PDB file of all heavy atoms in Angstrom:
ATOM      1  N   ASN A   1       0.825  -1.183  -0.023  1.00  0.00           N
ATOM      2  CA  ASN A   1      -0.012  -0.049   0.025  1.00  0.00           C
ATOM      3  C   ASN A   1       0.851   1.243   0.032  1.00  0.00           C
ATOM      4  O   ASN A   1       0.584   2.271  -0.635  1.00  0.00           O
ATOM      5  CB  ASN A   1      -0.893  -0.045   1.287  1.00  0.00           C
ATOM      6  CG  ASN A   1      -2.069  -1.130   1.104  1.00  0.00           C
ATOM      7  OD1 ASN A   1      -2.336  -1.664  -0.019  1.00  0.00           O
ATOM      8  ND2 ASN A   1      -2.576  -1.446   2.160  1.00  0.00           N
ATOM      9  N   GLU A   2       1.926   1.254   0.826  1.00  0.00           N
ATOM     10  CA  GLU A   2       2.771   2.466   0.913  1.00  0.00           C
ATOM     11  C   GLU A   2       3.580   2.656  -0.407  1.00  0.00           C
ATOM     12  O   GLU A   2       3.699   3.773  -0.862  1.00  0.00           O
ATOM     13  CB  GLU A   2       3.794   2.260   2.066  1.00  0.00           C
ATOM     14  CG  GLU A   2       4.590   3.419   2.345  1.00  0.00           C
ATOM     15  CD  GLU A   2       3.684   4.676   2.732  1.00  0.00           C
ATOM     16  OE1 GLU A   2       2.705   4.633   3.408  1.00  0.00           O
ATOM     17  OE2 GLU A   2       4.221   5.819   2.366  1.00  0.00           O
ATOM     18  N   GLN A   3       4.249   1.555  -0.974  1.00  0.00           N
ATOM     19  CA  GLN A   3       4.973   1.697  -2.120  1.00  0.00           C
ATOM     20  C   GLN A   3       4.091   1.953  -3.412  1.00  0.00           C
ATOM     21  O   GLN A   3       4.665   2.610  -4.297  1.00  0.00           O
ATOM     22  CB  GLN A   3       5.852   0.433  -2.334  1.00  0.00           C
ATOM     23  CG  GLN A   3       6.931   0.330  -1.234  1.00  0.00           C
ATOM     24  CD  GLN A   3       7.872  -0.905  -1.426  1.00  0.00           C
ATOM     25  OE1 GLN A   3       7.596  -1.746  -2.302  1.00  0.00           O
ATOM     26  NE2 GLN A   3       8.871  -1.044  -0.628  1.00  0.00           N
ATOM     27  N   ALA A   4       2.949   1.486  -3.354  1.00  0.00           N
ATOM     28  CA  ALA A   4       2.112   1.606  -4.622  1.00  0.00           C
ATOM     29  C   ALA A   4       1.716   3.008  -4.770  1.00  0.00           C
ATOM     30  O   ALA A   4       1.336   3.509  -5.948  1.00  0.00           O
ATOM     31  CB  ALA A   4       0.786   0.641  -4.448  1.00  0.00           C
ATOM     32  N   LYS A   5       1.685   3.808  -3.780  1.00  0.00           N
ATOM     33  CA  LYS A   5       1.211   5.250  -3.780  1.00  0.00           C
ATOM     34  C   LYS A   5       2.090   5.969  -4.791  1.00  0.00           C
ATOM     35  O   LYS A   5       1.506   6.909  -5.477  1.00  0.00           O
ATOM     36  CB  LYS A   5       1.396   5.893  -2.517  1.00  0.00           C
ATOM     37  CG  LYS A   5       0.255   5.436  -1.460  1.00  0.00           C
ATOM     38  CD  LYS A   5       0.563   6.179  -0.140  1.00  0.00           C
ATOM     39  CE  LYS A   5      -0.431   5.617   1.000  1.00  0.00           C
ATOM     40  NZ  LYS A   5      -0.113   6.228   2.200  1.00  0.00           N
ATOM     41  N   VAL A   6       3.354   5.691  -4.961  1.00  0.00           N
ATOM     42  CA  VAL A   6       4.278   6.411  -5.837  1.00  0.00           C
ATOM     43  C   VAL A   6       4.433   5.786  -7.179  1.00  0.00           C
ATOM     44  O   VAL A   6       5.080   6.384  -8.028  1.00  0.00           O
ATOM     45  CB  VAL A   6       5.663   6.606  -5.128  1.00  0.00           C
ATOM     46  CG1 VAL A   6       5.550   7.387  -3.874  1.00  0.00           C
ATOM     47  CG2 VAL A   6       6.329   5.300  -4.865  1.00  0.00           C
ATOM     48  N   LEU A   7       3.792   4.590  -7.339  1.00  0.00           N
ATOM     49  CA  LEU A   7       3.922   3.967  -8.687  1.00  0.00           C
ATOM     50  C   LEU A   7       2.836   4.537  -9.636  1.00  0.00           C
ATOM     51  O   LEU A   7       1.731   4.763  -9.276  1.00  0.00           O
ATOM     52  CB  LEU A   7       3.741   2.487  -8.533  1.00  0.00           C
ATOM     53  CG  LEU A   7       4.741   1.724  -7.673  1.00  0.00           C
ATOM     54  CD1 LEU A   7       4.500   0.357  -7.559  1.00  0.00           C
ATOM     55  CD2 LEU A   7       6.168   1.968  -8.146  1.00  0.00           C
ATOM     56  N   THR A   8       3.245   4.724 -10.832  1.00  0.00           N
ATOM     57  CA  THR A   8       2.359   5.409 -11.779  1.00  0.00           C
ATOM     58  C   THR A   8       1.636   4.487 -12.741  1.00  0.00           C
ATOM     59  O   THR A   8       0.621   4.806 -13.223  1.00  0.00           O
ATOM     60  CB  THR A   8       3.155   6.393 -12.659  1.00  0.00           C
ATOM     61  OG1 THR A   8       4.224   5.838 -13.274  1.00  0.00           O
ATOM     62  CG2 THR A   8       3.677   7.630 -11.660  1.00  0.00           C
ATOM     63  N   THR A   9       2.080   3.326 -13.035  1.00  0.00           N
ATOM     64  CA  THR A   9       1.556   2.367 -13.950  1.00  0.00           C
ATOM     65  C   THR A   9       0.946   1.140 -13.207  1.00  0.00           C
ATOM     66  O   THR A   9       1.494   0.729 -12.198  1.00  0.00           O
ATOM     67  CB  THR A   9       2.461   1.976 -15.087  1.00  0.00           C
ATOM     68  OG1 THR A   9       3.430   1.111 -14.547  1.00  0.00           O
ATOM     69  CG2 THR A   9       3.070   3.187 -15.834  1.00  0.00           C
ATOM     70  N   ASP A  10       0.026   0.542 -13.921  1.00  0.00           N
ATOM     71  CA  ASP A  10      -0.553  -0.684 -13.358  1.00  0.00           C
ATOM     72  C   ASP A  10       0.623  -1.898 -13.460  1.00  0.00           C
ATOM     73  O   ASP A  10       0.624  -2.610 -12.509  1.00  0.00           O
ATOM     74  CB  ASP A  10      -1.802  -1.185 -14.101  1.00  0.00           C
ATOM     75  CG  ASP A  10      -2.971  -0.310 -13.854  1.00  0.00           C
ATOM     76  OD1 ASP A  10      -2.990   0.330 -12.663  1.00  0.00           O
ATOM     77  OD2 ASP A  10      -3.932  -0.344 -14.651  1.00  0.00           O
ATOM     78  N   GLN A  11       1.377  -1.696 -14.538  1.00  0.00           N
ATOM     79  CA  GLN A  11       2.407  -2.708 -14.575  1.00  0.00           C
ATOM     80  C   GLN A  11       3.395  -2.746 -13.421  1.00  0.00           C
ATOM     81  O   GLN A  11       3.842  -3.697 -12.897  1.00  0.00           O
ATOM     82  CB  GLN A  11       3.199  -2.478 -15.958  1.00  0.00           C
ATOM     83  CG  GLN A  11       4.272  -3.568 -16.173  1.00  0.00           C
ATOM     84  CD  GLN A  11       3.741  -5.006 -16.336  1.00  0.00           C
ATOM     85  OE1 GLN A  11       2.605  -5.190 -16.829  1.00  0.00           O
ATOM     86  NE2 GLN A  11       4.445  -5.931 -15.844  1.00  0.00           N
ATOM     87  N   GLU A  12       3.749  -1.560 -13.060  1.00  0.00           N
ATOM     88  CA  GLU A  12       4.669  -1.392 -11.808  1.00  0.00           C
ATOM     89  C   GLU A  12       3.885  -1.954 -10.502  1.00  0.00           C
ATOM     90  O   GLU A  12       4.625  -2.684  -9.796  1.00  0.00           O
ATOM     91  CB  GLU A  12       5.046   0.118 -11.577  1.00  0.00           C
ATOM     92  CG  GLU A  12       5.864   0.690 -12.723  1.00  0.00           C
ATOM     93  CD  GLU A  12       6.057   2.219 -12.497  1.00  0.00           C
ATOM     94  OE1 GLU A  12       5.125   2.884 -12.141  1.00  0.00           O
ATOM     95  OE2 GLU A  12       7.251   2.676 -12.584  1.00  0.00           O
ATOM     96  N   LYS A  13       2.680  -1.763 -10.425  1.00  0.00           N
ATOM     97  CA  LYS A  13       2.039  -2.245  -9.229  1.00  0.00           C
ATOM     98  C   LYS A  13       1.891  -3.796  -9.339  1.00  0.00           C
ATOM     99  O   LYS A  13       2.052  -4.449  -8.255  1.00  0.00           O
ATOM    100  CB  LYS A  13       0.572  -1.675  -9.194  1.00  0.00           C
ATOM    101  CG  LYS A  13       0.663  -0.158  -8.793  1.00  0.00           C
ATOM    102  CD  LYS A  13      -0.738   0.422  -8.799  1.00  0.00           C
ATOM    103  CE  LYS A  13      -0.664   1.889  -8.567  1.00  0.00           C
ATOM    104  NZ  LYS A  13      -1.920   2.552  -8.671  1.00  0.00           N
ATOM    105  N   ILE A  14       1.716  -4.310 -10.510  1.00  0.00           N
ATOM    106  CA  ILE A  14       1.734  -5.751 -10.720  1.00  0.00           C
ATOM    107  C   ILE A  14       3.134  -6.348 -10.377  1.00  0.00           C
ATOM    108  O   ILE A  14       3.126  -7.379  -9.649  1.00  0.00           O
ATOM    109  CB  ILE A  14       1.305  -6.153 -12.119  1.00  0.00           C
ATOM    110  CG1 ILE A  14      -0.263  -5.874 -12.294  1.00  0.00           C
ATOM    111  CG2 ILE A  14       1.522  -7.591 -12.400  1.00  0.00           C
ATOM    112  CD1 ILE A  14      -0.692  -5.852 -13.785  1.00  0.00           C
ATOM    113  N   GLU A  15       4.072  -5.727 -10.732  1.00  0.00           N
ATOM    114  CA  GLU A  15       5.480  -6.195 -10.515  1.00  0.00           C
ATOM    115  C   GLU A  15       5.717  -6.159  -9.007  1.00  0.00           C
ATOM    116  O   GLU A  15       6.346  -7.070  -8.458  1.00  0.00           O
ATOM    117  CB  GLU A  15       6.505  -5.433 -11.212  1.00  0.00           C
ATOM    118  CG  GLU A  15       6.499  -5.688 -12.818  1.00  0.00           C
ATOM    119  CD  GLU A  15       7.424  -4.741 -13.572  1.00  0.00           C
ATOM    120  OE1 GLU A  15       8.021  -4.034 -12.993  1.00  0.00           O
ATOM    121  OE2 GLU A  15       7.302  -4.891 -14.794  1.00  0.00           O
ATOM    122  N   LEU A  16       5.330  -5.091  -8.264  1.00  0.00           N
ATOM    123  CA  LEU A  16       5.520  -4.949  -6.927  1.00  0.00           C
ATOM    124  C   LEU A  16       4.671  -6.027  -6.266  1.00  0.00           C
ATOM    125  O   LEU A  16       5.183  -6.784  -5.315  1.00  0.00           O
ATOM    126  CB  LEU A  16       5.044  -3.596  -6.378  1.00  0.00           C
ATOM    127  CG  LEU A  16       5.155  -3.451  -4.901  1.00  0.00           C
ATOM    128  CD1 LEU A  16       6.495  -3.623  -4.335  1.00  0.00           C
ATOM    129  CD2 LEU A  16       4.545  -1.968  -4.522  1.00  0.00           C
ATOM    130  N   ALA A  17       3.394  -6.312  -6.555  1.00  0.00           N
ATOM    131  CA  ALA A  17       2.668  -7.311  -5.939  1.00  0.00           C
ATOM    132  C   ALA A  17       3.220  -8.701  -6.134  1.00  0.00           C
ATOM    133  O   ALA A  17       3.303  -9.477  -5.247  1.00  0.00           O
ATOM    134  CB  ALA A  17       1.233  -7.276  -6.620  1.00  0.00           C
ATOM    135  N   ASN A  18       3.761  -9.027  -7.426  1.00  0.00           N
ATOM    136  CA  ASN A  18       4.406 -10.278  -7.655  1.00  0.00           C
ATOM    137  C   ASN A  18       5.582 -10.503  -6.773  1.00  0.00           C
ATOM    138  O   ASN A  18       5.874 -11.539  -6.246  1.00  0.00           O
ATOM    139  CB  ASN A  18       4.741 -10.341  -9.171  1.00  0.00           C
ATOM    140  CG  ASN A  18       3.585 -10.607 -10.031  1.00  0.00           C
ATOM    141  OD1 ASN A  18       2.505 -11.058  -9.501  1.00  0.00           O
ATOM    142  ND2 ASN A  18       3.763 -10.313 -11.270  1.00  0.00           N
ATOM    143  N   LYS A  19       6.421  -9.416  -6.498  1.00  0.00           N
ATOM    144  CA  LYS A  19       7.630  -9.515  -5.761  1.00  0.00           C
ATOM    145  C   LYS A  19       7.295  -9.734  -4.265  1.00  0.00           C
ATOM    146  O   LYS A  19       7.842 -10.595  -3.662  1.00  0.00           O
ATOM    147  CB  LYS A  19       8.399  -8.091  -5.903  1.00  0.00           C
ATOM    148  CG  LYS A  19       9.564  -8.039  -4.914  1.00  0.00           C
ATOM    149  CD  LYS A  19      10.187  -6.681  -4.965  1.00  0.00           C
ATOM    150  CE  LYS A  19      11.083  -6.413  -3.765  1.00  0.00           C
ATOM    151  NZ  LYS A  19      11.444  -5.059  -3.620  1.00  0.00           N
ATOM    152  N   LEU A  20       6.210  -8.989  -3.860  1.00  0.00           N
ATOM    153  CA  LEU A  20       5.811  -9.246  -2.389  1.00  0.00           C
ATOM    154  C   LEU A  20       5.156 -10.592  -2.183  1.00  0.00           C
ATOM    155  O   LEU A  20       5.305 -11.254  -1.112  1.00  0.00           O
ATOM    156  CB  LEU A  20       4.910  -8.078  -1.913  1.00  0.00           C
ATOM    157  CG  LEU A  20       5.644  -6.697  -1.952  1.00  0.00           C
ATOM    158  CD1 LEU A  20       4.661  -5.605  -1.534  1.00  0.00           C
ATOM    159  CD2 LEU A  20       6.843  -6.727  -1.039  1.00  0.00           C
ATOM    160  N   ASN A  21       4.387 -11.101  -3.260  1.00  0.00           N
ATOM    161  CA  ASN A  21       3.821 -12.376  -3.174  1.00  0.00           C
ATOM    162  C   ASN A  21       4.817 -13.532  -3.090  1.00  0.00           C
ATOM    163  O   ASN A  21       4.690 -14.502  -2.409  1.00  0.00           O
ATOM    164  CB  ASN A  21       2.791 -12.595  -4.238  1.00  0.00           C
ATOM    165  CG  ASN A  21       1.478 -11.955  -4.118  1.00  0.00           C
ATOM    166  OD1 ASN A  21       1.031 -11.637  -3.005  1.00  0.00           O
ATOM    167  ND2 ASN A  21       0.756 -11.564  -5.177  1.00  0.00           N
ATOM    168  N   ALA A  22       5.865 -13.269  -3.851  1.00  0.00           N
ATOM    169  CA  ALA A  22       6.955 -14.235  -3.899  1.00  0.00           C
ATOM    170  C   ALA A  22       7.621 -14.328  -2.503  1.00  0.00           C
ATOM    171  O   ALA A  22       8.022 -15.375  -1.920  1.00  0.00           O
ATOM    172  CB  ALA A  22       8.018 -13.960  -4.982  1.00  0.00           C
ATOM    173  N   GLN A  23       7.850 -13.147  -1.844  1.00  0.00           N
ATOM    174  CA  GLN A  23       8.396 -13.059  -0.526  1.00  0.00           C
ATOM    175  C   GLN A  23       7.585 -13.715   0.506  1.00  0.00           C
ATOM    176  O   GLN A  23       7.980 -14.452   1.397  1.00  0.00           O
ATOM    177  CB  GLN A  23       8.571 -11.525  -0.120  1.00  0.00           C
ATOM    178  CG  GLN A  23       9.723 -10.815  -0.702  1.00  0.00           C
ATOM    179  CD  GLN A  23       9.850  -9.449  -0.216  1.00  0.00           C
ATOM    180  OE1 GLN A  23       9.129  -8.953   0.656  1.00  0.00           O
ATOM    181  NE2 GLN A  23      10.794  -8.618  -0.841  1.00  0.00           N
ATOM    182  N   MET A  24       6.210 -13.540   0.329  1.00  0.00           N
ATOM    183  CA  MET A  24       5.257 -14.237   1.253  1.00  0.00           C
ATOM    184  C   MET A  24       5.353 -15.691   1.140  1.00  0.00           C
ATOM    185  O   MET A  24       5.246 -16.508   2.130  1.00  0.00           O
ATOM    186  CB  MET A  24       3.837 -13.618   1.036  1.00  0.00           C
ATOM    187  CG  MET A  24       2.818 -14.185   1.991  1.00  0.00           C
ATOM    188  SD  MET A  24       3.290 -13.549   3.619  1.00  0.00           S
ATOM    189  CE  MET A  24       2.689 -14.969   4.623  1.00  0.00           C
ATOM    190  N   ALA A  25       5.369 -16.218  -0.148  1.00  0.00           N
ATOM    191  CA  ALA A  25       5.539 -17.612  -0.431  1.00  0.00           C
ATOM    192  C   ALA A  25       6.730 -18.279   0.162  1.00  0.00           C
ATOM    193  O   ALA A  25       6.710 -19.358   0.768  1.00  0.00           O
ATOM    194  CB  ALA A  25       5.378 -17.878  -1.929  1.00  0.00           C
ATOM    195  N   LYS A  26       7.880 -17.601   0.101  1.00  0.00           N
ATOM    196  CA  LYS A  26       9.088 -18.068   0.724  1.00  0.00           C
ATOM    197  C   LYS A  26       8.978 -18.010   2.264  1.00  0.00           C
ATOM    198  O   LYS A  26       9.410 -18.960   2.824  1.00  0.00           O
ATOM    199  CB  LYS A  26      10.305 -17.157   0.260  1.00  0.00           C
ATOM    200  CG  LYS A  26      10.799 -17.487  -1.155  1.00  0.00           C
ATOM    201  CD  LYS A  26      11.907 -16.510  -1.485  1.00  0.00           C
ATOM    202  CE  LYS A  26      12.230 -16.780  -2.931  1.00  0.00           C
ATOM    203  NZ  LYS A  26      13.344 -15.808  -3.357  1.00  0.00           N
ATOM    204  N   PHE A  27       8.359 -17.039   2.815  1.00  0.00           N
ATOM    205  CA  PHE A  27       8.096 -16.979   4.176  1.00  0.00           C
ATOM    206  C   PHE A  27       7.354 -18.144   4.671  1.00  0.00           C
ATOM    207  O   PHE A  27       7.660 -18.838   5.599  1.00  0.00           O
ATOM    208  CB  PHE A  27       7.559 -15.649   4.633  1.00  0.00           C
ATOM    209  CG  PHE A  27       7.345 -15.559   6.100  1.00  0.00           C
ATOM    210  CD1 PHE A  27       8.426 -15.025   6.937  1.00  0.00           C
ATOM    211  CD2 PHE A  27       6.174 -15.715   6.805  1.00  0.00           C
ATOM    212  CE1 PHE A  27       8.237 -14.734   8.245  1.00  0.00           C
ATOM    213  CE2 PHE A  27       6.003 -15.570   8.113  1.00  0.00           C
ATOM    214  CZ  PHE A  27       7.095 -15.137   8.872  1.00  0.00           C
ATOM    215  N   GLU A  28       6.220 -18.379   4.002  1.00  0.00           N
ATOM    216  CA  GLU A  28       5.395 -19.483   4.455  1.00  0.00           C
ATOM    217  C   GLU A  28       6.058 -20.855   4.257  1.00  0.00           C
ATOM    218  O   GLU A  28       5.943 -21.693   5.154  1.00  0.00           O
ATOM    219  CB  GLU A  28       4.072 -19.426   3.528  1.00  0.00           C
ATOM    220  CG  GLU A  28       3.083 -18.407   3.968  1.00  0.00           C
ATOM    221  CD  GLU A  28       1.825 -18.418   2.958  1.00  0.00           C
ATOM    222  OE1 GLU A  28       1.971 -18.582   1.772  1.00  0.00           O
ATOM    223  OE2 GLU A  28       0.766 -18.227   3.625  1.00  0.00           O
ATOM    224  N   GLN A  29       6.835 -20.963   3.171  1.00  0.00           N
ATOM    225  CA  GLN A  29       7.545 -22.205   3.000  1.00  0.00           C
ATOM    226  C   GLN A  29       8.549 -22.501   4.062  1.00  0.00           C
ATOM    227  O   GLN A  29       8.614 -23.508   4.643  1.00  0.00           O
ATOM    228  CB  GLN A  29       8.258 -22.164   1.704  1.00  0.00           C
ATOM    229  CG  GLN A  29       9.032 -23.417   1.325  1.00  0.00           C
ATOM    230  CD  GLN A  29       9.630 -23.366  -0.063  1.00  0.00           C
ATOM    231  OE1 GLN A  29       9.659 -22.375  -0.750  1.00  0.00           O
ATOM    232  NE2 GLN A  29      10.069 -24.568  -0.547  1.00  0.00           N
ATOM    233  N   ARG A  30       9.286 -21.324   4.604  1.00  0.00           N
ATOM    234  CA  ARG A  30      10.258 -21.489   5.611  1.00  0.00           C
ATOM    235  C   ARG A  30       9.562 -21.908   6.963  1.00  0.00           C
ATOM    236  O   ARG A  30      10.143 -22.607   7.675  1.00  0.00           O
ATOM    237  CB  ARG A  30      10.987 -20.132   5.796  1.00  0.00           C
ATOM    238  CG  ARG A  30      12.394 -20.174   5.433  1.00  0.00           C
ATOM    239  CD  ARG A  30      13.204 -18.820   5.727  1.00  0.00           C
ATOM    240  NE  ARG A  30      12.488 -17.636   6.297  1.00  0.00           N
ATOM    241  CZ  ARG A  30      12.040 -16.779   5.576  1.00  0.00           C
ATOM    242  NH1 ARG A  30      12.276 -16.688   4.258  1.00  0.00           N
ATOM    243  NH2 ARG A  30      11.474 -15.685   6.086  1.00  0.00           N
ATOM    244  N   LYS A  31       8.368 -21.420   7.114  1.00  0.00           N
ATOM    245  CA  LYS A  31       7.644 -21.722   8.361  1.00  0.00           C
ATOM    246  C   LYS A  31       6.987 -23.065   8.429  1.00  0.00           C
ATOM    247  O   LYS A  31       6.986 -23.744   9.383  1.00  0.00           O
ATOM    248  CB  LYS A  31       6.599 -20.572   8.567  1.00  0.00           C
ATOM    249  CG  LYS A  31       7.097 -19.357   8.935  1.00  0.00           C
ATOM    250  CD  LYS A  31       7.851 -19.325  10.349  1.00  0.00           C
ATOM    251  CE  LYS A  31       8.371 -18.072  10.740  1.00  0.00           C
ATOM    252  NZ  LYS A  31       9.144 -18.189  12.031  1.00  0.00           N
ATOM    253  N   TYR A  32       6.345 -23.445   7.273  1.00  0.00           N
ATOM    254  CA  TYR A  32       5.539 -24.705   7.141  1.00  0.00           C
ATOM    255  C   TYR A  32       6.287 -25.892   6.725  1.00  0.00           C
ATOM    256  O   TYR A  32       5.916 -27.003   7.101  1.00  0.00           O
ATOM    257  CB  TYR A  32       4.250 -24.455   6.341  1.00  0.00           C
ATOM    258  CG  TYR A  32       3.287 -23.539   6.961  1.00  0.00           C
ATOM    259  CD1 TYR A  32       2.840 -22.374   6.357  1.00  0.00           C
ATOM    260  CD2 TYR A  32       2.732 -23.923   8.246  1.00  0.00           C
ATOM    261  CE1 TYR A  32       1.865 -21.605   6.909  1.00  0.00           C
ATOM    262  CE2 TYR A  32       1.823 -23.018   8.855  1.00  0.00           C
ATOM    263  CZ  TYR A  32       1.427 -21.800   8.150  1.00  0.00           C
ATOM    264  OH  TYR A  32       0.485 -21.007   8.738  1.00  0.00           O
ATOM    265  N   ASP A  33       7.299 -25.769   5.967  1.00  0.00           N
ATOM    266  CA  ASP A  33       8.149 -26.983   5.525  1.00  0.00           C
ATOM    267  C   ASP A  33       8.557 -27.849   6.650  1.00  0.00           C
ATOM    268  O   ASP A  33       8.455 -29.084   6.588  1.00  0.00           O
ATOM    269  CB  ASP A  33       9.248 -26.611   4.549  1.00  0.00           C
ATOM    270  CG  ASP A  33       8.692 -26.454   3.077  1.00  0.00           C
ATOM    271  OD1 ASP A  33       7.462 -26.532   2.932  1.00  0.00           O
ATOM    272  OD2 ASP A  33       9.498 -26.103   2.159  1.00  0.00           O
ATOM    273  N   PRO A  34       9.287 -27.239   7.674  1.00  0.00           N
ATOM    274  CA  PRO A  34       9.732 -28.131   8.788  1.00  0.00           C
ATOM    275  C   PRO A  34       8.554 -28.825   9.526  1.00  0.00           C
ATOM    276  O   PRO A  34       8.732 -30.022   9.949  1.00  0.00           O
ATOM    277  CB  PRO A  34      10.344 -27.152   9.742  1.00  0.00           C
ATOM    278  CG  PRO A  34      10.717 -26.010   8.884  1.00  0.00           C
ATOM    279  CD  PRO A  34       9.661 -25.866   7.843  1.00  0.00           C
TER     280      PRO A  34
END
């Protein structure tokens, strides 16, 4: 929400969302795999 405020295109917002979703997936994997 904070970073998207300064982004001007939908493509930039999609890329940010994809990046953060990947971070979340890695976090969940680190927590749940063990």
